[in-house]
């Protein structure tokens, strides 16, 4: 089965929206330092671009949580592959995700991070599929609400491919 990629959001649209989110975060955290927690691997492209556009002091950490494997749908089984290197105690934390889908993974992750004592905990995602929600998850900063299609590019992958596309595309199977 072959696949091809249809452009959903252009590179220019994505860049413009990330700039707007960076400006909003900078206003919301004026006078503070923000600690960005990237959910690898997909969130890394978005977090790097977002961090460049935030004008308050920023620190970064990374964790890897898996629930997809090589399928196009979340398995619902959450596995922490790499945990954080730093404590979150008393930090203003923003979890940076590439996409919020069913909410299963993020619900689990946010609850675990809340238990680590951050001063505040917010969620920022490049893409959101609210119609796919199985578990309610509050998203504080959203790039784009998108339809229920399997997307790639800008860090999102299909079986480890297409992460390097500079736009958001939809995987279509022939």
N, C-alpha and C. Protein backbone atom coordinates (compact mmCIF):
# COMPACT_ATOMS: atom_id res chain seq x y z
N UNK A 1 0.85 -1.17 0.00
CA UNK A 1 0.00 0.00 0.00
C UNK A 1 0.90 1.24 0.00
N UNK A 2 0.77 2.05 -1.01
CA UNK A 2 1.57 3.27 -1.13
C UNK A 2 0.82 4.43 -0.50
N UNK A 3 1.57 5.44 -0.12
CA UNK A 3 0.94 6.62 0.45
C UNK A 3 1.50 7.87 -0.22
N UNK A 4 0.75 8.94 -0.15
CA UNK A 4 1.25 10.24 -0.58
C UNK A 4 0.78 11.28 0.44
N UNK A 5 1.38 12.47 0.38
CA UNK A 5 1.12 13.49 1.38
C UNK A 5 0.42 14.69 0.73
N UNK A 6 -0.71 15.07 1.31
CA UNK A 6 -1.46 16.26 0.87
C UNK A 6 -1.21 17.38 1.88
N UNK A 7 -0.86 18.56 1.42
CA UNK A 7 -0.58 19.70 2.31
C UNK A 7 -1.87 20.15 3.00
N UNK A 8 -1.83 20.20 4.33
CA UNK A 8 -2.96 20.69 5.12
C UNK A 8 -2.68 22.12 5.60
N UNK A 9 -1.47 22.36 6.12
CA UNK A 9 -1.06 23.68 6.59
C UNK A 9 0.31 23.99 6.02
N UNK A 10 0.44 25.11 5.35
CA UNK A 10 1.72 25.45 4.72
C UNK A 10 2.76 25.84 5.76
N UNK A 11 4.01 25.85 5.36
CA UNK A 11 5.10 26.27 6.23
C UNK A 11 4.86 27.69 6.73
N UNK A 12 4.38 28.56 5.88
CA UNK A 12 4.13 29.95 6.26
C UNK A 12 3.02 30.06 7.30
N UNK A 13 1.97 29.29 7.14
CA UNK A 13 0.88 29.30 8.13
C UNK A 13 1.37 28.82 9.49
N UNK A 14 2.17 27.76 9.49
CA UNK A 14 2.69 27.21 10.74
C UNK A 14 3.62 28.21 11.41
N UNK A 15 4.54 28.80 10.66
CA UNK A 15 5.47 29.78 11.22
C UNK A 15 4.74 30.96 11.84
N UNK A 16 3.74 31.49 11.13
CA UNK A 16 2.98 32.64 11.63
C UNK A 16 2.28 32.30 12.95
N UNK A 17 1.69 31.12 13.02
CA UNK A 17 0.95 30.74 14.23
C UNK A 17 1.91 30.51 15.41
N UNK A 18 3.06 29.93 15.16
CA UNK A 18 4.04 29.73 16.23
C UNK A 18 4.50 31.08 16.77
N UNK A 19 4.69 32.06 15.91
CA UNK A 19 5.05 33.42 16.34
C UNK A 19 3.98 33.98 17.28
N UNK A 20 2.72 33.80 16.91
CA UNK A 20 1.61 34.30 17.73
C UNK A 20 1.57 33.61 19.10
N UNK A 21 1.79 32.31 19.12
CA UNK A 21 1.80 31.58 20.40
C UNK A 21 2.97 32.06 21.26
N UNK A 22 4.14 32.23 20.66
CA UNK A 22 5.31 32.73 21.39
C UNK A 22 5.04 34.09 22.01
N UNK A 23 4.38 34.97 21.27
CA UNK A 23 4.03 36.29 21.79
C UNK A 23 3.07 36.18 22.96
N UNK A 24 2.08 35.28 22.87
CA UNK A 24 1.11 35.12 23.95
C UNK A 24 1.77 34.57 25.21
N UNK A 25 2.62 33.57 25.05
CA UNK A 25 3.33 33.00 26.19
C UNK A 25 4.22 34.07 26.83
N UNK A 26 4.88 34.87 26.02
CA UNK A 26 5.74 35.94 26.54
C UNK A 26 4.94 36.93 27.37
N UNK A 27 3.73 37.27 26.95
CA UNK A 27 2.85 38.16 27.72
C UNK A 27 2.40 37.48 29.01
N UNK A 28 1.97 36.23 28.89
CA UNK A 28 1.44 35.51 30.05
C UNK A 28 2.49 35.28 31.14
N UNK A 29 3.74 35.19 30.75
CA UNK A 29 4.83 34.89 31.69
C UNK A 29 5.78 36.08 31.87
N UNK A 30 5.30 37.28 31.59
CA UNK A 30 6.14 38.48 31.75
C UNK A 30 6.71 38.53 33.17
N UNK A 31 8.02 38.74 33.27
CA UNK A 31 8.68 38.81 34.57
C UNK A 31 9.02 37.47 35.19
N UNK A 32 8.73 36.39 34.49
CA UNK A 32 9.00 35.04 35.00
C UNK A 32 9.91 34.30 34.02
N UNK A 33 10.35 33.13 34.46
CA UNK A 33 11.05 32.20 33.57
C UNK A 33 10.10 31.05 33.31
N UNK A 34 10.07 30.58 32.08
CA UNK A 34 9.22 29.45 31.72
C UNK A 34 10.09 28.23 31.43
N UNK A 35 9.63 27.08 31.90
CA UNK A 35 10.35 25.82 31.71
C UNK A 35 9.54 24.98 30.72
N UNK A 36 10.07 24.82 29.51
CA UNK A 36 9.39 24.04 28.48
C UNK A 36 9.78 22.58 28.59
N UNK A 37 8.79 21.71 28.61
CA UNK A 37 9.01 20.26 28.62
C UNK A 37 8.51 19.73 27.30
N UNK A 38 9.44 19.26 26.49
CA UNK A 38 9.12 18.74 25.16
C UNK A 38 8.82 17.25 25.25
N UNK A 39 7.72 16.87 24.61
CA UNK A 39 7.41 15.45 24.49
C UNK A 39 8.00 14.99 23.16
N UNK A 40 9.05 14.18 23.26
CA UNK A 40 9.77 13.69 22.08
C UNK A 40 9.00 12.58 21.39
N UNK A 41 9.26 12.33 20.15
CA UNK A 41 10.16 13.00 19.26
C UNK A 41 9.45 14.12 18.54
N UNK A 42 8.17 13.94 18.32
CA UNK A 42 7.42 14.88 17.48
C UNK A 42 7.45 16.31 17.94
N UNK A 43 7.43 16.55 19.24
CA UNK A 43 7.36 17.91 19.75
C UNK A 43 8.63 18.71 19.60
N UNK A 44 9.74 18.07 19.25
CA UNK A 44 11.03 18.76 19.21
C UNK A 44 11.07 19.87 18.16
N UNK A 45 10.53 19.66 16.99
CA UNK A 45 10.53 20.68 15.95
C UNK A 45 9.74 21.90 16.41
N UNK A 46 8.56 21.65 16.94
CA UNK A 46 7.69 22.73 17.41
C UNK A 46 8.33 23.46 18.59
N UNK A 47 8.87 22.74 19.56
CA UNK A 47 9.43 23.39 20.74
C UNK A 47 10.62 24.28 20.37
N UNK A 48 11.48 23.83 19.50
CA UNK A 48 12.63 24.65 19.09
C UNK A 48 12.17 25.96 18.46
N UNK A 49 11.21 25.89 17.56
CA UNK A 49 10.70 27.09 16.91
C UNK A 49 9.97 27.99 17.91
N UNK A 50 9.21 27.39 18.80
CA UNK A 50 8.47 28.15 19.81
C UNK A 50 9.44 28.86 20.76
N UNK A 51 10.44 28.16 21.26
CA UNK A 51 11.40 28.73 22.22
C UNK A 51 12.08 29.97 21.63
N UNK A 52 12.36 29.93 20.33
CA UNK A 52 13.02 31.07 19.68
C UNK A 52 12.14 32.32 19.67
N UNK A 53 10.85 32.13 19.82
CA UNK A 53 9.91 33.24 19.72
C UNK A 53 9.38 33.71 21.08
N UNK A 54 9.84 33.10 22.15
CA UNK A 54 9.46 33.51 23.50
C UNK A 54 10.52 34.47 24.01
N UNK A 55 10.08 35.62 24.52
CA UNK A 55 11.03 36.66 24.91
C UNK A 55 11.40 36.64 26.39
N UNK A 56 10.69 35.89 27.23
CA UNK A 56 11.08 35.75 28.63
C UNK A 56 12.12 34.64 28.73
N UNK A 57 12.87 34.55 29.84
CA UNK A 57 13.86 33.47 29.97
C UNK A 57 13.20 32.10 29.85
N UNK A 58 13.89 31.20 29.15
CA UNK A 58 13.36 29.86 28.87
C UNK A 58 14.40 28.82 29.27
N UNK A 59 13.94 27.76 29.93
CA UNK A 59 14.77 26.56 30.12
C UNK A 59 14.02 25.40 29.48
N UNK A 60 14.76 24.35 29.15
CA UNK A 60 14.19 23.24 28.38
C UNK A 60 14.50 21.90 29.02
N UNK A 61 13.58 20.97 28.87
CA UNK A 61 13.83 19.58 29.23
C UNK A 61 13.02 18.72 28.27
N UNK A 62 13.35 17.45 28.24
CA UNK A 62 12.75 16.53 27.27
C UNK A 62 12.32 15.24 27.94
N UNK A 63 11.21 14.71 27.45
CA UNK A 63 10.82 13.36 27.85
C UNK A 63 10.20 12.67 26.66
N UNK A 64 10.26 11.36 26.69
CA UNK A 64 9.70 10.58 25.60
C UNK A 64 8.64 9.65 26.15
N UNK A 65 7.45 9.76 25.58
CA UNK A 65 6.30 8.96 25.98
C UNK A 65 5.75 8.34 24.72
N UNK A 66 5.52 7.05 24.74
CA UNK A 66 5.06 6.36 23.54
C UNK A 66 3.68 5.74 23.75
N UNK A 67 2.82 5.92 22.73
CA UNK A 67 1.53 5.23 22.75
C UNK A 67 1.10 4.84 21.34
N UNK A 68 1.97 5.03 20.35
CA UNK A 68 1.59 4.75 18.96
C UNK A 68 2.31 3.54 18.37
N UNK A 69 3.62 3.40 18.61
CA UNK A 69 4.36 2.37 17.91
C UNK A 69 4.38 2.70 16.43
N UNK A 70 4.10 1.72 15.58
CA UNK A 70 4.13 1.96 14.13
C UNK A 70 2.73 2.01 13.53
N UNK A 71 1.73 2.25 14.38
CA UNK A 71 0.36 2.32 13.88
C UNK A 71 -0.05 3.78 13.71
N UNK A 72 -1.22 4.02 13.12
CA UNK A 72 -1.71 5.38 12.92
C UNK A 72 -2.71 5.78 14.00
N UNK A 73 -2.99 4.91 14.94
CA UNK A 73 -3.91 5.22 16.03
C UNK A 73 -3.23 4.91 17.36
N UNK A 74 -3.54 5.73 18.38
CA UNK A 74 -2.98 5.53 19.71
C UNK A 74 -3.42 4.18 20.25
N UNK A 75 -2.47 3.45 20.83
CA UNK A 75 -2.79 2.14 21.40
C UNK A 75 -3.47 2.27 22.75
N UNK A 76 -3.34 3.45 23.39
CA UNK A 76 -3.89 3.64 24.72
C UNK A 76 -2.95 3.16 25.81
N UNK A 77 -1.89 2.48 25.44
CA UNK A 77 -0.89 2.01 26.40
C UNK A 77 0.23 3.04 26.42
N UNK A 78 0.44 3.67 27.59
CA UNK A 78 1.43 4.73 27.71
C UNK A 78 2.70 4.18 28.33
N UNK A 79 3.82 4.47 27.66
CA UNK A 79 5.12 4.00 28.14
C UNK A 79 6.07 5.18 28.19
N UNK A 80 6.69 5.42 29.36
CA UNK A 80 7.70 6.46 29.46
C UNK A 80 9.02 5.87 29.01
N UNK A 81 9.54 6.40 27.92
CA UNK A 81 10.77 5.91 27.32
C UNK A 81 11.97 6.68 27.88
N UNK A 82 11.80 8.00 28.08
CA UNK A 82 12.85 8.84 28.66
C UNK A 82 12.19 9.84 29.59
N UNK A 83 12.64 9.87 30.86
CA UNK A 83 12.08 10.80 31.83
C UNK A 83 12.88 12.10 31.82
N UNK A 84 12.37 13.09 32.53
CA UNK A 84 13.01 14.40 32.62
C UNK A 84 14.36 14.33 33.32
N UNK A 85 15.25 15.26 33.00
CA UNK A 85 16.55 15.34 33.65
C UNK A 85 16.52 16.24 34.88
N UNK A 86 15.58 17.20 34.91
CA UNK A 86 15.53 18.19 35.98
C UNK A 86 14.23 18.08 36.77
N UNK A 87 14.28 18.57 38.01
CA UNK A 87 13.10 18.66 38.86
C UNK A 87 12.17 19.75 38.33
N UNK A 88 10.87 19.57 38.52
CA UNK A 88 9.90 20.58 38.13
C UNK A 88 9.45 21.42 39.33
N UNK A 89 9.94 21.11 40.50
CA UNK A 89 9.50 21.77 41.73
C UNK A 89 9.59 23.29 41.60
N UNK A 90 8.46 23.94 41.84
CA UNK A 90 8.33 25.40 41.87
C UNK A 90 8.61 26.09 40.53
N UNK A 91 8.64 25.37 39.44
CA UNK A 91 8.86 25.97 38.13
C UNK A 91 7.52 26.21 37.42
N UNK A 92 7.50 27.24 36.56
CA UNK A 92 6.36 27.47 35.69
C UNK A 92 6.59 26.64 34.43
N UNK A 93 5.84 25.56 34.30
CA UNK A 93 6.08 24.54 33.28
C UNK A 93 5.03 24.60 32.18
N UNK A 94 5.50 24.53 30.95
CA UNK A 94 4.60 24.34 29.81
C UNK A 94 5.03 23.06 29.10
N UNK A 95 4.12 22.10 29.05
CA UNK A 95 4.36 20.88 28.29
C UNK A 95 4.09 21.20 26.82
N UNK A 96 5.06 20.89 25.96
CA UNK A 96 4.96 21.20 24.54
C UNK A 96 4.79 19.89 23.76
N UNK A 97 3.66 19.79 23.08
CA UNK A 97 3.31 18.59 22.33
C UNK A 97 3.15 18.93 20.86
N UNK A 98 3.34 17.94 20.01
CA UNK A 98 3.07 18.13 18.59
C UNK A 98 1.58 18.07 18.31
N UNK A 99 0.87 17.11 18.95
CA UNK A 99 -0.54 16.92 18.66
C UNK A 99 -1.26 16.33 19.87
N UNK A 100 -2.48 16.80 20.09
CA UNK A 100 -3.36 16.22 21.11
C UNK A 100 -4.47 15.52 20.36
N UNK A 101 -4.62 14.25 20.65
CA UNK A 101 -5.57 13.41 19.93
C UNK A 101 -6.61 12.88 20.92
N UNK A 102 -6.49 11.65 21.34
CA UNK A 102 -7.48 11.05 22.24
C UNK A 102 -7.42 11.66 23.65
N UNK A 103 -6.26 12.17 24.04
CA UNK A 103 -6.09 12.71 25.38
C UNK A 103 -5.57 11.69 26.38
N UNK A 104 -5.53 10.42 26.01
CA UNK A 104 -5.08 9.37 26.93
C UNK A 104 -3.66 9.61 27.41
N UNK A 105 -2.75 9.79 26.48
CA UNK A 105 -1.33 9.96 26.82
C UNK A 105 -1.13 11.21 27.66
N UNK A 106 -1.70 12.33 27.22
CA UNK A 106 -1.48 13.59 27.93
C UNK A 106 -2.15 13.61 29.29
N UNK A 107 -3.30 13.01 29.43
CA UNK A 107 -3.95 12.95 30.74
C UNK A 107 -3.04 12.26 31.74
N UNK A 108 -2.49 11.15 31.34
CA UNK A 108 -1.56 10.40 32.19
C UNK A 108 -0.31 11.23 32.49
N UNK A 109 0.25 11.81 31.46
CA UNK A 109 1.49 12.57 31.60
C UNK A 109 1.30 13.80 32.49
N UNK A 110 0.24 14.57 32.26
CA UNK A 110 0.01 15.78 33.05
C UNK A 110 -0.22 15.46 34.52
N UNK A 111 -0.94 14.39 34.80
CA UNK A 111 -1.15 13.99 36.19
C UNK A 111 0.17 13.63 36.86
N UNK A 112 1.01 12.92 36.15
CA UNK A 112 2.32 12.55 36.69
C UNK A 112 3.17 13.79 36.94
N UNK A 113 3.15 14.75 36.02
CA UNK A 113 3.95 15.97 36.17
C UNK A 113 3.41 16.87 37.29
N UNK A 114 2.09 16.92 37.46
CA UNK A 114 1.50 17.70 38.57
C UNK A 114 2.02 17.22 39.91
N UNK A 115 2.20 15.93 40.02
CA UNK A 115 2.69 15.33 41.27
C UNK A 115 4.13 15.72 41.59
N UNK A 116 4.82 16.33 40.65
CA UNK A 116 6.22 16.72 40.84
C UNK A 116 6.38 18.15 41.36
N UNK A 117 5.25 18.82 41.65
CA UNK A 117 5.28 20.10 42.33
C UNK A 117 5.64 21.34 41.55
N UNK A 118 5.24 21.45 40.29
CA UNK A 118 5.53 22.71 39.59
C UNK A 118 4.68 23.85 40.16
N UNK A 119 5.18 25.09 40.03
CA UNK A 119 4.40 26.26 40.45
C UNK A 119 3.15 26.38 39.59
N UNK A 120 3.29 26.09 38.31
CA UNK A 120 2.16 26.06 37.38
C UNK A 120 2.46 25.04 36.30
N UNK A 121 1.40 24.54 35.68
CA UNK A 121 1.55 23.54 34.62
C UNK A 121 0.51 23.83 33.54
N UNK A 122 1.00 24.11 32.35
CA UNK A 122 0.12 24.37 31.21
C UNK A 122 0.51 23.47 30.05
N UNK A 123 -0.38 23.40 29.07
CA UNK A 123 -0.17 22.56 27.91
C UNK A 123 -0.24 23.40 26.64
N UNK A 124 0.74 23.20 25.77
CA UNK A 124 0.81 23.87 24.48
C UNK A 124 0.96 22.80 23.40
N UNK A 125 0.11 22.87 22.39
CA UNK A 125 0.20 21.91 21.29
C UNK A 125 0.13 22.63 19.95
N UNK A 126 0.88 22.11 19.01
CA UNK A 126 0.82 22.67 17.66
C UNK A 126 -0.52 22.32 17.02
N UNK A 127 -0.95 21.08 17.18
CA UNK A 127 -2.17 20.59 16.54
C UNK A 127 -3.09 19.96 17.57
N UNK A 128 -4.39 20.14 17.38
CA UNK A 128 -5.38 19.56 18.27
C UNK A 128 -6.49 18.94 17.44
N UNK A 129 -6.89 17.73 17.84
CA UNK A 129 -8.02 17.04 17.21
C UNK A 129 -9.10 16.87 18.27
N UNK A 130 -9.85 17.92 18.61
CA UNK A 130 -10.81 17.82 19.70
C UNK A 130 -11.89 16.76 19.49
N UNK A 131 -12.25 16.49 18.25
CA UNK A 131 -13.31 15.51 17.99
C UNK A 131 -12.86 14.07 18.30
N UNK A 132 -11.55 13.86 18.48
CA UNK A 132 -11.04 12.52 18.79
C UNK A 132 -10.91 12.28 20.30
N UNK A 133 -11.21 13.29 21.12
CA UNK A 133 -11.00 13.21 22.55
C UNK A 133 -11.79 12.07 23.19
N UNK A 134 -11.08 11.24 23.92
CA UNK A 134 -11.68 10.18 24.73
C UNK A 134 -11.63 10.61 26.20
N UNK A 135 -10.54 11.29 26.57
CA UNK A 135 -10.35 11.83 27.91
C UNK A 135 -10.17 13.33 27.78
N UNK A 136 -10.94 14.10 28.59
CA UNK A 136 -10.87 15.55 28.50
C UNK A 136 -9.52 16.05 28.99
N UNK A 137 -8.85 16.83 28.15
CA UNK A 137 -7.57 17.44 28.47
C UNK A 137 -7.67 18.91 28.09
N UNK A 138 -7.36 19.80 29.05
CA UNK A 138 -7.40 21.24 28.77
C UNK A 138 -6.11 21.66 28.09
N UNK A 139 -6.24 22.28 26.91
CA UNK A 139 -5.09 22.79 26.18
C UNK A 139 -5.08 24.30 26.34
N UNK A 140 -3.97 24.84 26.87
CA UNK A 140 -3.86 26.27 27.12
C UNK A 140 -3.48 27.06 25.88
N UNK A 141 -2.61 26.49 25.05
CA UNK A 141 -2.15 27.15 23.83
C UNK A 141 -2.25 26.15 22.68
N UNK A 142 -3.06 26.51 21.68
CA UNK A 142 -3.27 25.63 20.54
C UNK A 142 -2.86 26.33 19.25
N UNK A 143 -2.06 25.64 18.45
CA UNK A 143 -1.72 26.17 17.14
C UNK A 143 -2.90 26.11 16.20
N UNK A 144 -3.37 24.90 15.92
CA UNK A 144 -4.46 24.70 14.97
C UNK A 144 -5.35 23.55 15.43
N UNK A 145 -6.66 23.72 15.32
CA UNK A 145 -7.59 22.60 15.43
C UNK A 145 -7.67 22.00 14.03
N UNK A 146 -7.51 20.68 13.96
CA UNK A 146 -7.51 20.03 12.65
C UNK A 146 -8.54 18.90 12.63
N UNK A 147 -8.95 18.48 11.43
CA UNK A 147 -9.89 17.36 11.32
C UNK A 147 -9.21 16.04 11.68
N UNK A 148 -10.02 15.02 11.82
CA UNK A 148 -9.55 13.69 12.21
C UNK A 148 -8.92 12.99 11.00
N UNK A 149 -7.70 13.43 10.68
CA UNK A 149 -6.93 12.81 9.61
C UNK A 149 -5.53 12.55 10.16
N UNK A 150 -4.82 11.58 9.60
CA UNK A 150 -3.48 11.27 10.09
C UNK A 150 -2.48 12.22 9.44
N UNK A 151 -1.85 13.05 10.28
CA UNK A 151 -0.98 14.11 9.78
C UNK A 151 0.50 13.83 10.07
N UNK A 152 1.33 14.42 9.22
CA UNK A 152 2.78 14.28 9.33
C UNK A 152 3.42 15.63 9.03
N UNK A 153 4.71 15.69 9.28
CA UNK A 153 5.48 16.90 9.01
C UNK A 153 5.68 17.70 10.27
N UNK A 154 6.67 18.58 10.23
CA UNK A 154 6.98 19.45 11.36
C UNK A 154 7.16 18.64 12.65
N UNK A 155 7.77 17.48 12.51
CA UNK A 155 8.05 16.62 13.66
C UNK A 155 7.14 15.41 13.77
N UNK A 156 5.96 15.48 13.18
CA UNK A 156 5.04 14.34 13.24
C UNK A 156 5.43 13.32 12.18
N UNK A 157 5.26 12.05 12.54
CA UNK A 157 5.72 11.02 11.62
C UNK A 157 4.67 9.94 11.36
N UNK A 158 4.93 9.19 10.33
CA UNK A 158 4.24 7.94 10.07
C UNK A 158 5.34 6.89 10.00
N UNK A 159 5.42 6.05 11.02
CA UNK A 159 6.44 5.00 11.09
C UNK A 159 7.85 5.57 10.88
N UNK A 160 8.13 6.68 11.58
CA UNK A 160 9.43 7.37 11.59
C UNK A 160 9.76 8.12 10.29
N UNK A 161 8.82 8.24 9.39
CA UNK A 161 9.06 8.99 8.16
C UNK A 161 8.27 10.30 8.16
N UNK A 162 8.72 11.24 7.37
CA UNK A 162 8.06 12.52 7.09
C UNK A 162 8.21 13.57 8.18
N UNK A 163 8.94 13.30 9.27
CA UNK A 163 9.13 14.30 10.33
C UNK A 163 9.73 15.59 9.79
N UNK A 164 10.59 15.49 8.79
CA UNK A 164 11.35 16.64 8.31
C UNK A 164 10.59 17.52 7.32
N UNK A 165 9.35 17.22 7.02
CA UNK A 165 8.58 18.09 6.14
C UNK A 165 8.38 19.44 6.83
N UNK A 166 8.56 20.56 6.14
CA UNK A 166 8.43 21.86 6.77
C UNK A 166 6.99 22.36 6.87
N UNK A 167 6.03 21.52 6.57
CA UNK A 167 4.61 21.85 6.61
C UNK A 167 3.88 20.68 7.26
N UNK A 168 2.57 20.85 7.48
CA UNK A 168 1.73 19.77 8.00
C UNK A 168 0.99 19.17 6.82
N UNK A 169 1.14 17.85 6.65
CA UNK A 169 0.47 17.16 5.56
C UNK A 169 -0.39 16.02 6.07
N UNK A 170 -1.29 15.58 5.25
CA UNK A 170 -2.16 14.44 5.55
C UNK A 170 -1.67 13.24 4.77
N UNK A 171 -1.52 12.12 5.47
CA UNK A 171 -1.13 10.88 4.81
C UNK A 171 -2.38 10.30 4.14
N UNK A 172 -2.28 10.09 2.83
CA UNK A 172 -3.37 9.47 2.08
C UNK A 172 -2.83 8.20 1.44
N UNK A 173 -3.58 7.14 1.62
CA UNK A 173 -3.16 5.83 1.11
C UNK A 173 -3.83 5.52 -0.22
N UNK A 174 -3.05 4.97 -1.15
CA UNK A 174 -3.57 4.62 -2.46
C UNK A 174 -4.25 3.26 -2.42
